[in-house]
Amino acid sequence: QMPHGCMPLPSFWKMVEDTLQQSGAQLRTFCQMFETVAPSPATQPLNPAEERKVLSLVSKHGPDKLYQVTSNISGSKDLDLTLQRGQIVALLQSVDTKGNTSRWLVDAGGPRGFVPAGKLQPY
């Protein structure tokens, strides 16, 4: 019933390939536009208080454990943290108390709690 239902197989695959290439180009354009509108948190400068906190976290946990929050986190469960985009945290455990690897235990330079792993990127 679809217009391409009666197409020869090579023509159908060519149409699929063209459609995927066009979609890929649109996605790349969207990603580039998004990056210019909302720059990566890694490019945001830290204020002096945040710099002191980062130095403290590095001395306690080491530089390889530091992560930056990629978007605001609003804690909804017990022991969840509420953090702002751009904040630096140190990874304590990449799993929660029930073995869920999508929630990580972090040190936010004072409070410790759980955050969604998907909202963290290595610093």
Protein backbone atom coordinates (compact mmCIF):
# COMPACT_ATOMS: atom_id res chain seq x y z
CA GLN A 1 0.00 0.00 0.00
CA MET A 2 2.99 2.33 0.48
CA PRO A 3 4.37 3.99 -2.66
CA HIS A 4 7.71 2.22 -2.29
CA GLY A 5 6.02 -1.17 -1.83
CA CYS A 6 6.22 -1.90 -5.57
CA MET A 7 9.77 -0.62 -6.08
CA PRO A 8 12.50 -2.96 -7.27
CA LEU A 9 14.71 -4.03 -4.37
CA PRO A 10 17.86 -2.11 -5.48
CA SER A 11 15.82 1.10 -5.82
CA PHE A 12 14.26 0.54 -2.40
CA TRP A 13 17.67 0.10 -0.73
CA LYS A 14 18.98 3.20 -2.51
CA MET A 15 16.00 5.18 -1.18
CA VAL A 16 16.66 3.86 2.35
CA GLU A 17 20.35 4.78 2.11
CA ASP A 18 19.55 8.28 0.84
CA THR A 19 17.01 8.79 3.63
CA LEU A 20 19.50 7.67 6.28
CA GLN A 21 22.22 9.96 4.88
CA GLN A 22 19.80 12.90 4.87
CA SER A 23 18.72 12.13 8.45
CA GLY A 24 22.35 11.85 9.55
CA ALA A 25 23.14 15.23 8.00
CA GLN A 26 20.12 16.78 9.75
CA LEU A 27 21.22 15.26 13.07
CA ARG A 28 24.78 16.61 12.68
CA THR A 29 23.38 20.07 11.88
CA PHE A 30 21.11 19.91 14.93
CA CYS A 31 24.00 18.84 17.18
CA GLN A 32 26.16 21.71 15.92
CA MET A 33 23.34 24.20 16.49
CA PHE A 34 22.69 22.77 19.97
CA GLU A 35 26.37 23.08 20.93
CA THR A 36 26.40 26.76 19.93
CA VAL A 37 23.19 27.49 21.88
CA ALA A 38 24.06 25.37 24.95
CA PRO A 39 27.84 25.04 25.22
CA SER A 40 29.30 22.04 26.99
CA PRO A 41 29.60 22.43 30.77
CA ALA A 42 33.33 21.77 30.45
CA THR A 43 33.73 25.22 28.87
CA GLN A 44 32.16 27.04 31.81
CA PRO A 45 34.70 28.80 34.06
CA LEU A 46 34.62 27.92 37.76
CA ASN A 47 34.14 30.58 40.41
CA PRO A 48 36.77 30.79 43.20
CA ALA A 49 34.66 28.84 45.71
CA GLU A 50 34.09 26.07 43.16
CA GLU A 51 37.83 26.01 42.38
CA ARG A 52 38.62 25.48 46.08
CA LYS A 53 36.06 22.68 46.23
CA VAL A 54 37.61 21.03 43.15
CA LEU A 55 41.09 21.21 44.71
CA SER A 56 39.72 19.65 47.89
CA LEU A 57 38.02 16.85 45.91
CA VAL A 58 41.23 16.19 43.95
CA SER A 59 43.28 15.94 47.13
CA LYS A 60 40.76 13.53 48.73
CA HIS A 61 39.83 11.37 45.74
CA GLY A 62 42.32 12.03 42.92
CA PRO A 63 41.77 13.69 39.54
CA ASP A 64 40.53 10.55 37.79
CA LYS A 65 37.43 10.44 40.03
CA LEU A 66 36.15 13.93 39.16
CA TYR A 67 32.97 14.36 37.13
CA GLN A 68 31.01 17.40 36.00
CA VAL A 69 27.22 17.64 36.13
CA THR A 70 25.89 18.02 32.56
CA SER A 71 22.38 19.21 33.48
CA ASN A 72 20.52 20.22 36.64
CA ILE A 73 19.72 17.33 38.95
CA SER A 74 16.75 17.47 41.27
CA GLY A 75 17.00 14.77 43.92
CA SER A 76 13.71 12.96 44.39
CA LYS A 77 14.57 9.95 46.59
CA ASP A 78 16.21 9.64 49.99
CA LEU A 79 19.96 10.22 49.75
CA ASP A 80 19.65 11.83 46.28
CA LEU A 81 21.53 15.09 45.74
CA THR A 82 20.24 18.22 44.06
CA LEU A 83 23.02 19.69 41.91
CA GLN A 84 23.39 22.44 39.34
CA ARG A 85 24.74 22.05 35.82
CA GLY A 86 28.50 22.56 35.79
CA GLN A 87 29.15 21.48 39.39
CA ILE A 88 32.12 19.17 40.01
CA VAL A 89 31.73 16.00 42.09
CA ALA A 90 33.95 13.06 42.97
CA LEU A 91 32.82 9.51 42.22
CA LEU A 92 32.73 7.29 45.31
CA GLN A 93 30.88 4.28 43.87
CA SER A 94 29.50 3.60 40.39
CA VAL A 95 26.53 1.71 41.86
CA ASP A 96 23.81 2.39 44.43
CA THR A 97 22.98 0.28 47.50
CA LYS A 98 20.70 -2.01 45.44
CA GLY A 99 23.27 -2.64 42.70
CA ASN A 100 21.76 -0.14 40.25
CA THR A 101 24.59 1.14 38.03
CA SER A 102 22.51 4.06 36.68
CA ARG A 103 22.76 5.84 40.09
CA TRP A 104 26.21 6.73 41.38
CA LEU A 105 27.33 7.71 44.86
CA VAL A 106 29.26 11.00 44.72
CA ASP A 107 30.92 13.49 47.03
CA ALA A 108 29.80 17.01 46.16
CA GLY A 109 32.44 18.67 48.34
CA GLY A 110 30.46 18.29 51.55
CA PRO A 111 27.20 16.46 50.97
CA ARG A 112 27.37 12.92 49.66
CA GLY A 113 24.55 11.18 47.87
CA PHE A 114 23.28 9.56 44.71
CA VAL A 115 22.91 11.11 41.26
CA PRO A 116 21.92 9.73 37.84
CA ALA A 117 25.08 8.44 36.13
CA GLY A 118 23.83 9.73 32.78
CA LYS A 119 24.05 13.33 33.99
CA LEU A 120 27.77 13.13 34.74
CA GLN A 121 30.75 13.40 32.43
CA PRO A 122 34.44 12.98 33.28
CA TYR A 123 36.00 16.32 34.23
